[in-house]
């Protein structure tokens, strides 16, 4: 039983670190959306996808990436920038609290993850994006690990 608990705690730490890295990528992406114009993004995506689309005009990744950038407007770009930066900052703060074993971070993380999952499922209803389902499944696993770790720490501290 002791080895199992240690392994669960290791998986918890790794998953929280992965969440933190994902949060940093979100923040960087949000900053790019704030600083780079839609025209500049379109130019770079055109350069990146041109060869692939010449070989295969129906390439899944290239066509979807190009389509996504072509549909950006000033207001959607601002929304994505704000969403990514705020979402990333919230996760960074929670990850820092979890890694420092601050008890308040555990229920706060559960509430935040539940909110993120609800929003992701709402977005999935519009996009049917497999990526959102994968992210949601990962969030559900992380929620279970956060709950387990929170119970473990509360028991250990009493």
N, C-alpha and C. Protein backbone atom coordinates (compact mmCIF):
# COMPACT_ATOMS: atom_id res chain seq x y z
N UNK A 1 0.83 -1.21 0.00
CA UNK A 1 0.00 0.00 0.00
C UNK A 1 0.86 1.25 0.00
N UNK A 2 1.98 1.23 0.72
CA UNK A 2 2.86 2.38 0.81
C UNK A 2 3.45 2.73 -0.56
N UNK A 3 3.85 1.73 -1.33
CA UNK A 3 4.42 1.97 -2.65
C UNK A 3 3.35 2.57 -3.56
N UNK A 4 2.12 2.08 -3.49
CA UNK A 4 1.04 2.61 -4.31
C UNK A 4 0.80 4.09 -4.01
N UNK A 5 0.81 4.46 -2.75
CA UNK A 5 0.59 5.85 -2.36
C UNK A 5 1.71 6.74 -2.89
N UNK A 6 2.93 6.26 -2.78
CA UNK A 6 4.07 7.02 -3.28
C UNK A 6 3.96 7.20 -4.80
N UNK A 7 3.57 6.16 -5.49
CA UNK A 7 3.42 6.23 -6.95
C UNK A 7 2.31 7.21 -7.33
N UNK A 8 1.20 7.19 -6.62
CA UNK A 8 0.11 8.12 -6.89
C UNK A 8 0.58 9.55 -6.68
N UNK A 9 1.35 9.79 -5.63
CA UNK A 9 1.85 11.13 -5.36
C UNK A 9 2.82 11.59 -6.45
N UNK A 10 3.62 10.65 -6.98
CA UNK A 10 4.52 10.99 -8.09
C UNK A 10 3.72 11.36 -9.34
N UNK A 11 2.69 10.58 -9.64
CA UNK A 11 1.85 10.87 -10.80
C UNK A 11 1.17 12.23 -10.61
N UNK A 12 0.74 12.51 -9.39
CA UNK A 12 0.14 13.82 -9.09
C UNK A 12 1.12 14.94 -9.42
N UNK A 13 2.34 14.84 -8.92
CA UNK A 13 3.33 15.90 -9.15
C UNK A 13 3.61 16.08 -10.65
N UNK A 14 3.77 14.97 -11.36
CA UNK A 14 4.05 15.05 -12.80
C UNK A 14 2.88 15.71 -13.52
N UNK A 15 1.65 15.32 -13.18
CA UNK A 15 0.48 15.89 -13.86
C UNK A 15 0.35 17.38 -13.55
N UNK A 16 0.66 17.78 -12.34
CA UNK A 16 0.59 19.21 -11.98
C UNK A 16 1.68 19.98 -12.71
N UNK A 17 2.86 19.42 -12.82
CA UNK A 17 3.94 20.07 -13.57
C UNK A 17 3.55 20.21 -15.04
N UNK A 18 2.94 19.16 -15.61
CA UNK A 18 2.47 19.25 -17.00
C UNK A 18 1.42 20.34 -17.15
N UNK A 19 0.52 20.46 -16.17
CA UNK A 19 -0.48 21.53 -16.20
C UNK A 19 0.22 22.89 -16.17
N UNK A 20 1.26 23.01 -15.35
CA UNK A 20 2.01 24.26 -15.28
C UNK A 20 2.69 24.60 -16.59
N UNK A 21 3.29 23.60 -17.24
CA UNK A 21 3.92 23.83 -18.54
C UNK A 21 2.88 24.23 -19.58
N UNK A 22 1.74 23.57 -19.55
CA UNK A 22 0.66 23.92 -20.47
C UNK A 22 0.19 25.36 -20.23
N UNK A 23 0.14 25.75 -18.97
CA UNK A 23 -0.26 27.12 -18.62
C UNK A 23 0.73 28.13 -19.18
N UNK A 24 2.03 27.82 -19.10
CA UNK A 24 3.03 28.74 -19.64
C UNK A 24 2.91 28.86 -21.16
N UNK A 25 2.59 27.75 -21.82
CA UNK A 25 2.38 27.78 -23.28
C UNK A 25 1.15 28.63 -23.61
N UNK A 26 0.09 28.50 -22.79
CA UNK A 26 -1.10 29.32 -23.01
C UNK A 26 -0.78 30.81 -22.86
N UNK A 27 -0.03 31.15 -21.84
CA UNK A 27 0.34 32.55 -21.62
C UNK A 27 1.15 33.07 -22.80
N UNK A 28 2.12 32.29 -23.25
CA UNK A 28 2.94 32.70 -24.40
C UNK A 28 2.06 32.87 -25.64
N UNK A 29 1.14 31.94 -25.87
CA UNK A 29 0.23 32.05 -27.01
C UNK A 29 -0.64 33.28 -26.91
N UNK A 30 -1.14 33.57 -25.73
CA UNK A 30 -1.97 34.76 -25.52
C UNK A 30 -1.19 36.03 -25.79
N UNK A 31 0.05 36.06 -25.36
CA UNK A 31 0.89 37.24 -25.60
C UNK A 31 1.12 37.41 -27.11
N UNK A 32 1.32 36.30 -27.81
CA UNK A 32 1.48 36.38 -29.27
C UNK A 32 0.22 36.98 -29.89
N UNK A 33 -0.96 36.52 -29.43
CA UNK A 33 -2.20 37.07 -29.96
C UNK A 33 -2.32 38.57 -29.69
N UNK A 34 -1.83 39.02 -28.53
CA UNK A 34 -1.86 40.45 -28.23
C UNK A 34 -0.90 41.25 -29.11
N UNK A 35 0.28 40.70 -29.36
CA UNK A 35 1.35 41.47 -29.99
C UNK A 35 1.42 41.35 -31.51
N UNK A 36 0.91 40.26 -32.07
CA UNK A 36 1.07 40.02 -33.50
C UNK A 36 -0.26 40.25 -34.22
N UNK A 37 -0.21 41.01 -35.29
CA UNK A 37 -1.44 41.32 -36.04
C UNK A 37 -1.95 40.08 -36.77
N UNK A 38 -3.23 40.11 -37.09
CA UNK A 38 -3.85 39.02 -37.83
C UNK A 38 -3.16 38.84 -39.18
N UNK A 39 -2.83 39.94 -39.83
CA UNK A 39 -2.16 39.88 -41.14
C UNK A 39 -0.80 39.19 -41.04
N UNK A 40 -0.07 39.50 -39.99
CA UNK A 40 1.25 38.88 -39.79
C UNK A 40 1.08 37.38 -39.54
N UNK A 41 0.09 37.02 -38.71
CA UNK A 41 -0.15 35.59 -38.46
C UNK A 41 -0.53 34.87 -39.75
N UNK A 42 -1.39 35.49 -40.54
CA UNK A 42 -1.81 34.90 -41.80
C UNK A 42 -0.61 34.71 -42.74
N UNK A 43 0.27 35.71 -42.77
CA UNK A 43 1.47 35.61 -43.59
C UNK A 43 2.32 34.41 -43.17
N UNK A 44 2.57 34.25 -41.87
CA UNK A 44 3.41 33.16 -41.37
C UNK A 44 2.74 31.80 -41.59
N UNK A 45 1.45 31.72 -41.36
CA UNK A 45 0.75 30.45 -41.57
C UNK A 45 0.77 30.09 -43.06
N UNK A 46 0.60 31.08 -43.92
CA UNK A 46 0.71 30.83 -45.37
C UNK A 46 2.08 30.26 -45.72
N UNK A 47 3.14 30.86 -45.16
CA UNK A 47 4.49 30.36 -45.42
C UNK A 47 4.68 28.93 -44.90
N UNK A 48 4.16 28.68 -43.70
CA UNK A 48 4.34 27.37 -43.09
C UNK A 48 3.54 26.25 -43.78
N UNK A 49 2.40 26.60 -44.34
CA UNK A 49 1.53 25.57 -44.91
C UNK A 49 1.61 25.46 -46.43
N UNK A 50 2.25 26.41 -47.07
CA UNK A 50 2.27 26.45 -48.54
C UNK A 50 2.77 25.14 -49.15
N UNK A 51 3.93 24.65 -48.72
CA UNK A 51 4.48 23.42 -49.30
C UNK A 51 3.59 22.22 -49.05
N UNK A 52 3.07 22.12 -47.83
CA UNK A 52 2.21 20.97 -47.50
C UNK A 52 0.94 21.00 -48.32
N UNK A 53 0.35 22.17 -48.47
CA UNK A 53 -0.89 22.27 -49.25
C UNK A 53 -0.65 22.08 -50.75
N UNK A 54 0.57 22.35 -51.22
CA UNK A 54 0.91 22.09 -52.61
C UNK A 54 0.96 20.57 -52.85
N UNK A 55 1.53 19.85 -51.89
CA UNK A 55 1.59 18.38 -51.98
C UNK A 55 0.23 17.74 -51.79
N UNK A 56 -0.49 18.20 -50.78
CA UNK A 56 -1.80 17.63 -50.45
C UNK A 56 -2.75 18.76 -50.07
N UNK A 57 -3.57 19.22 -51.03
CA UNK A 57 -4.47 20.36 -50.76
C UNK A 57 -5.51 20.08 -49.67
N UNK A 58 -5.67 18.82 -49.29
CA UNK A 58 -6.65 18.49 -48.24
C UNK A 58 -5.98 18.12 -46.92
N UNK A 59 -4.70 18.45 -46.76
CA UNK A 59 -3.98 18.14 -45.52
C UNK A 59 -4.77 18.67 -44.33
N UNK A 60 -5.08 17.80 -43.39
CA UNK A 60 -5.97 18.14 -42.27
C UNK A 60 -5.41 19.30 -41.43
N UNK A 61 -4.18 19.17 -40.98
CA UNK A 61 -3.61 20.17 -40.09
C UNK A 61 -3.44 21.51 -40.81
N UNK A 62 -2.87 21.47 -41.99
CA UNK A 62 -2.61 22.71 -42.73
C UNK A 62 -3.90 23.44 -43.08
N UNK A 63 -4.91 22.71 -43.56
CA UNK A 63 -6.17 23.38 -43.93
C UNK A 63 -6.88 23.96 -42.72
N UNK A 64 -6.87 23.23 -41.60
CA UNK A 64 -7.53 23.74 -40.40
C UNK A 64 -6.79 24.93 -39.80
N UNK A 65 -5.48 24.87 -39.81
CA UNK A 65 -4.69 25.99 -39.29
C UNK A 65 -4.92 27.24 -40.14
N UNK A 66 -4.86 27.08 -41.44
CA UNK A 66 -5.08 28.21 -42.34
C UNK A 66 -6.50 28.77 -42.18
N UNK A 67 -7.47 27.90 -42.09
CA UNK A 67 -8.85 28.33 -41.91
C UNK A 67 -9.04 29.09 -40.60
N UNK A 68 -8.43 28.59 -39.54
CA UNK A 68 -8.56 29.25 -38.24
C UNK A 68 -7.99 30.66 -38.27
N UNK A 69 -6.84 30.83 -38.89
CA UNK A 69 -6.23 32.16 -38.94
C UNK A 69 -7.02 33.08 -39.86
N UNK A 70 -7.56 32.55 -40.94
CA UNK A 70 -8.34 33.37 -41.87
C UNK A 70 -9.62 33.88 -41.22
N UNK A 71 -10.13 33.15 -40.24
CA UNK A 71 -11.38 33.55 -39.58
C UNK A 71 -11.17 34.50 -38.41
N UNK A 72 -9.92 34.79 -38.09
CA UNK A 72 -9.65 35.71 -36.98
C UNK A 72 -10.08 37.13 -37.34
N UNK A 73 -10.75 37.75 -36.40
CA UNK A 73 -11.06 39.17 -36.52
C UNK A 73 -10.39 39.87 -35.34
N UNK A 74 -10.44 41.15 -35.31
CA UNK A 74 -9.84 41.88 -34.19
C UNK A 74 -10.44 41.48 -32.86
N UNK A 75 -11.77 41.34 -32.82
CA UNK A 75 -12.42 41.01 -31.55
C UNK A 75 -12.16 39.56 -31.15
N UNK A 76 -12.14 38.61 -32.11
CA UNK A 76 -11.86 37.22 -31.73
C UNK A 76 -10.40 37.07 -31.31
N UNK A 77 -9.52 37.79 -31.97
CA UNK A 77 -8.11 37.73 -31.59
C UNK A 77 -7.93 38.28 -30.18
N UNK A 78 -8.60 39.36 -29.85
CA UNK A 78 -8.53 39.92 -28.49
C UNK A 78 -9.11 38.96 -27.47
N UNK A 79 -10.22 38.30 -27.81
CA UNK A 79 -10.82 37.33 -26.90
C UNK A 79 -9.84 36.18 -26.63
N UNK A 80 -9.27 35.62 -27.71
CA UNK A 80 -8.34 34.51 -27.53
C UNK A 80 -7.12 34.93 -26.71
N UNK A 81 -6.62 36.13 -26.95
CA UNK A 81 -5.48 36.63 -26.18
C UNK A 81 -5.84 36.72 -24.70
N UNK A 82 -6.98 37.35 -24.40
CA UNK A 82 -7.41 37.49 -23.01
C UNK A 82 -7.66 36.12 -22.38
N UNK A 83 -8.35 35.24 -23.10
CA UNK A 83 -8.68 33.91 -22.57
C UNK A 83 -7.40 33.13 -22.26
N UNK A 84 -6.48 33.09 -23.20
CA UNK A 84 -5.26 32.30 -22.99
C UNK A 84 -4.41 32.84 -21.85
N UNK A 85 -4.24 34.16 -21.79
CA UNK A 85 -3.41 34.74 -20.73
C UNK A 85 -4.09 34.54 -19.37
N UNK A 86 -5.38 34.83 -19.27
CA UNK A 86 -6.05 34.70 -17.96
C UNK A 86 -6.13 33.23 -17.53
N UNK A 87 -6.47 32.35 -18.45
CA UNK A 87 -6.55 30.92 -18.16
C UNK A 87 -5.17 30.42 -17.70
N UNK A 88 -4.13 30.81 -18.41
CA UNK A 88 -2.78 30.40 -18.06
C UNK A 88 -2.33 30.93 -16.71
N UNK A 89 -2.63 32.21 -16.43
CA UNK A 89 -2.24 32.79 -15.15
C UNK A 89 -2.94 32.11 -13.97
N UNK A 90 -4.23 31.83 -14.15
CA UNK A 90 -4.97 31.12 -13.09
C UNK A 90 -4.31 29.78 -12.81
N UNK A 91 -4.00 29.06 -13.87
CA UNK A 91 -3.39 27.74 -13.69
C UNK A 91 -2.00 27.82 -13.08
N UNK A 92 -1.21 28.83 -13.45
CA UNK A 92 0.13 28.98 -12.88
C UNK A 92 0.03 29.21 -11.38
N UNK A 93 -0.88 30.07 -10.96
CA UNK A 93 -1.06 30.35 -9.53
C UNK A 93 -1.49 29.08 -8.79
N UNK A 94 -2.44 28.35 -9.36
CA UNK A 94 -2.90 27.12 -8.71
C UNK A 94 -1.81 26.06 -8.67
N UNK A 95 -1.08 25.91 -9.76
CA UNK A 95 0.02 24.93 -9.81
C UNK A 95 1.07 25.27 -8.75
N UNK A 96 1.42 26.55 -8.62
CA UNK A 96 2.39 26.95 -7.60
C UNK A 96 1.89 26.58 -6.20
N UNK A 97 0.60 26.82 -5.94
CA UNK A 97 0.03 26.47 -4.64
C UNK A 97 0.04 24.97 -4.41
N UNK A 98 -0.29 24.21 -5.43
CA UNK A 98 -0.30 22.74 -5.29
C UNK A 98 1.10 22.20 -5.05
N UNK A 99 2.07 22.69 -5.78
CA UNK A 99 3.43 22.20 -5.62
C UNK A 99 4.02 22.60 -4.27
N UNK A 100 3.51 23.69 -3.70
CA UNK A 100 3.97 24.12 -2.36
C UNK A 100 3.10 23.52 -1.25
N UNK A 101 2.15 22.68 -1.64
CA UNK A 101 1.24 22.00 -0.72
C UNK A 101 0.44 22.96 0.16
N UNK A 102 0.00 24.07 -0.42
CA UNK A 102 -0.88 25.01 0.28
C UNK A 102 -2.29 24.43 0.24
N UNK A 103 -2.86 24.16 1.39
CA UNK A 103 -4.16 23.47 1.44
C UNK A 103 -5.27 24.23 0.72
N UNK A 104 -5.23 25.55 0.72
CA UNK A 104 -6.27 26.33 0.05
C UNK A 104 -6.22 26.12 -1.47
N UNK A 105 -5.08 25.75 -2.00
CA UNK A 105 -4.94 25.56 -3.45
C UNK A 105 -5.71 24.34 -3.94
N UNK A 106 -5.94 23.36 -3.09
CA UNK A 106 -6.60 22.13 -3.52
C UNK A 106 -8.08 22.35 -3.85
N UNK A 107 -8.87 22.91 -2.92
CA UNK A 107 -10.27 23.16 -3.31
C UNK A 107 -10.38 24.22 -4.41
N UNK A 108 -9.50 25.21 -4.39
CA UNK A 108 -9.52 26.23 -5.44
C UNK A 108 -9.23 25.58 -6.80
N UNK A 109 -8.30 24.65 -6.84
CA UNK A 109 -7.97 23.94 -8.08
C UNK A 109 -9.15 23.10 -8.55
N UNK A 110 -9.82 22.44 -7.62
CA UNK A 110 -10.98 21.61 -8.00
C UNK A 110 -12.08 22.48 -8.61
N UNK A 111 -12.33 23.64 -8.00
CA UNK A 111 -13.35 24.54 -8.54
C UNK A 111 -12.94 25.06 -9.91
N UNK A 112 -11.67 25.49 -10.04
CA UNK A 112 -11.19 26.02 -11.32
C UNK A 112 -11.23 24.95 -12.40
N UNK A 113 -10.77 23.74 -12.08
CA UNK A 113 -10.80 22.67 -13.07
C UNK A 113 -12.22 22.32 -13.48
N UNK A 114 -13.13 22.32 -12.53
CA UNK A 114 -14.54 22.06 -12.86
C UNK A 114 -15.07 23.13 -13.81
N UNK A 115 -14.70 24.38 -13.56
CA UNK A 115 -15.11 25.46 -14.46
C UNK A 115 -14.50 25.32 -15.84
N UNK A 116 -13.21 24.96 -15.90
CA UNK A 116 -12.55 24.76 -17.19
C UNK A 116 -13.20 23.61 -17.95
N UNK A 117 -13.52 22.53 -17.24
CA UNK A 117 -14.15 21.37 -17.88
C UNK A 117 -15.52 21.75 -18.43
N UNK A 118 -16.28 22.50 -17.64
CA UNK A 118 -17.61 22.92 -18.11
C UNK A 118 -17.49 23.76 -19.37
N UNK A 119 -16.54 24.69 -19.39
CA UNK A 119 -16.36 25.54 -20.57
C UNK A 119 -15.87 24.71 -21.77
N UNK A 120 -14.96 23.79 -21.53
CA UNK A 120 -14.44 22.94 -22.61
C UNK A 120 -15.56 22.09 -23.21
N UNK A 121 -16.43 21.56 -22.38
CA UNK A 121 -17.55 20.77 -22.89
C UNK A 121 -18.53 21.65 -23.65
N UNK A 122 -18.73 22.86 -23.18
CA UNK A 122 -19.57 23.81 -23.90
C UNK A 122 -18.98 24.09 -25.27
N UNK A 123 -17.66 24.37 -25.32
CA UNK A 123 -17.00 24.62 -26.60
C UNK A 123 -17.05 23.38 -27.50
N UNK A 124 -16.94 22.21 -26.89
CA UNK A 124 -17.00 20.98 -27.67
C UNK A 124 -18.34 20.85 -28.37
N UNK A 125 -19.40 21.31 -27.73
CA UNK A 125 -20.73 21.23 -28.34
C UNK A 125 -20.79 22.01 -29.65
N UNK A 126 -19.89 22.99 -29.82
CA UNK A 126 -19.84 23.77 -31.06
C UNK A 126 -18.79 23.27 -32.04
N UNK A 127 -17.66 22.77 -31.51
CA UNK A 127 -16.52 22.47 -32.38
C UNK A 127 -16.33 20.98 -32.66
N UNK A 128 -16.79 20.11 -31.77
CA UNK A 128 -16.55 18.67 -31.84
C UNK A 128 -15.05 18.38 -31.98
N UNK A 129 -14.24 19.16 -31.31
CA UNK A 129 -12.78 19.02 -31.36
C UNK A 129 -12.33 17.88 -30.44
N UNK A 130 -11.64 16.92 -31.03
CA UNK A 130 -11.10 15.80 -30.26
C UNK A 130 -10.11 16.31 -29.22
N UNK A 131 -9.37 17.36 -29.57
CA UNK A 131 -8.41 17.94 -28.64
C UNK A 131 -9.06 18.40 -27.34
N UNK A 132 -10.25 18.97 -27.44
CA UNK A 132 -10.97 19.40 -26.23
C UNK A 132 -11.35 18.21 -25.36
N UNK A 133 -11.72 17.11 -25.98
CA UNK A 133 -12.07 15.91 -25.21
C UNK A 133 -10.84 15.35 -24.51
N UNK A 134 -9.70 15.33 -25.20
CA UNK A 134 -8.45 14.85 -24.59
C UNK A 134 -8.07 15.75 -23.42
N UNK A 135 -8.14 17.06 -23.62
CA UNK A 135 -7.82 18.01 -22.55
C UNK A 135 -8.78 17.84 -21.37
N UNK A 136 -10.05 17.65 -21.66
CA UNK A 136 -11.05 17.46 -20.60
C UNK A 136 -10.78 16.17 -19.84
N UNK A 137 -10.46 15.10 -20.54
CA UNK A 137 -10.15 13.83 -19.88
C UNK A 137 -8.93 13.99 -18.96
N UNK A 138 -7.91 14.69 -19.44
CA UNK A 138 -6.72 14.95 -18.62
C UNK A 138 -7.10 15.76 -17.39
N UNK A 139 -7.95 16.77 -17.56
CA UNK A 139 -8.39 17.58 -16.43
C UNK A 139 -9.16 16.75 -15.40
N UNK A 140 -9.97 15.82 -15.87
CA UNK A 140 -10.72 14.94 -14.95
C UNK A 140 -9.75 14.07 -14.14
N UNK A 141 -8.73 13.54 -14.79
CA UNK A 141 -7.72 12.74 -14.09
C UNK A 141 -6.99 13.61 -13.07
N UNK A 142 -6.61 14.81 -13.48
CA UNK A 142 -5.91 15.72 -12.56
C UNK A 142 -6.82 16.05 -11.37
N UNK A 143 -8.10 16.26 -11.62
CA UNK A 143 -9.04 16.53 -10.51
C UNK A 143 -9.03 15.37 -9.51
N UNK A 144 -9.06 14.15 -10.01
CA UNK A 144 -9.01 12.98 -9.13
C UNK A 144 -7.73 12.95 -8.32
N UNK A 145 -6.63 13.26 -8.96
CA UNK A 145 -5.33 13.27 -8.26
C UNK A 145 -5.27 14.41 -7.24
N UNK A 146 -5.80 15.57 -7.58
CA UNK A 146 -5.83 16.70 -6.64
C UNK A 146 -6.67 16.33 -5.42
N UNK A 147 -7.83 15.73 -5.65
CA UNK A 147 -8.69 15.31 -4.55
C UNK A 147 -7.96 14.31 -3.65
N UNK A 148 -7.32 13.33 -4.27
CA UNK A 148 -6.60 12.31 -3.50
C UNK A 148 -5.47 12.95 -2.68
N UNK A 149 -4.69 13.81 -3.32
CA UNK A 149 -3.57 14.46 -2.64
C UNK A 149 -4.06 15.35 -1.51
N UNK A 150 -5.16 16.05 -1.71
CA UNK A 150 -5.73 16.92 -0.68
C UNK A 150 -6.13 16.10 0.54
N UNK A 151 -6.80 14.98 0.31
CA UNK A 151 -7.19 14.09 1.42
C UNK A 151 -5.95 13.57 2.14
N UNK A 152 -4.93 13.18 1.38
CA UNK A 152 -3.70 12.66 1.97
C UNK A 152 -3.04 13.71 2.86
N UNK A 153 -2.91 14.95 2.36
CA UNK A 153 -2.26 16.01 3.14
C UNK A 153 -3.05 16.38 4.38
N UNK A 154 -4.38 16.44 4.25
CA UNK A 154 -5.18 16.77 5.44
C UNK A 154 -5.02 15.71 6.51
N UNK A 155 -4.99 14.44 6.10
CA UNK A 155 -4.78 13.36 7.07
C UNK A 155 -3.40 13.45 7.69
N UNK A 156 -2.39 13.73 6.88
CA UNK A 156 -1.01 13.79 7.36
C UNK A 156 -0.80 14.95 8.32
N UNK A 157 -1.54 16.03 8.15
CA UNK A 157 -1.35 17.21 8.99
C UNK A 157 -2.19 17.18 10.28
N UNK A 158 -3.07 16.21 10.40
CA UNK A 158 -3.86 16.14 11.64
C UNK A 158 -3.36 15.06 12.57
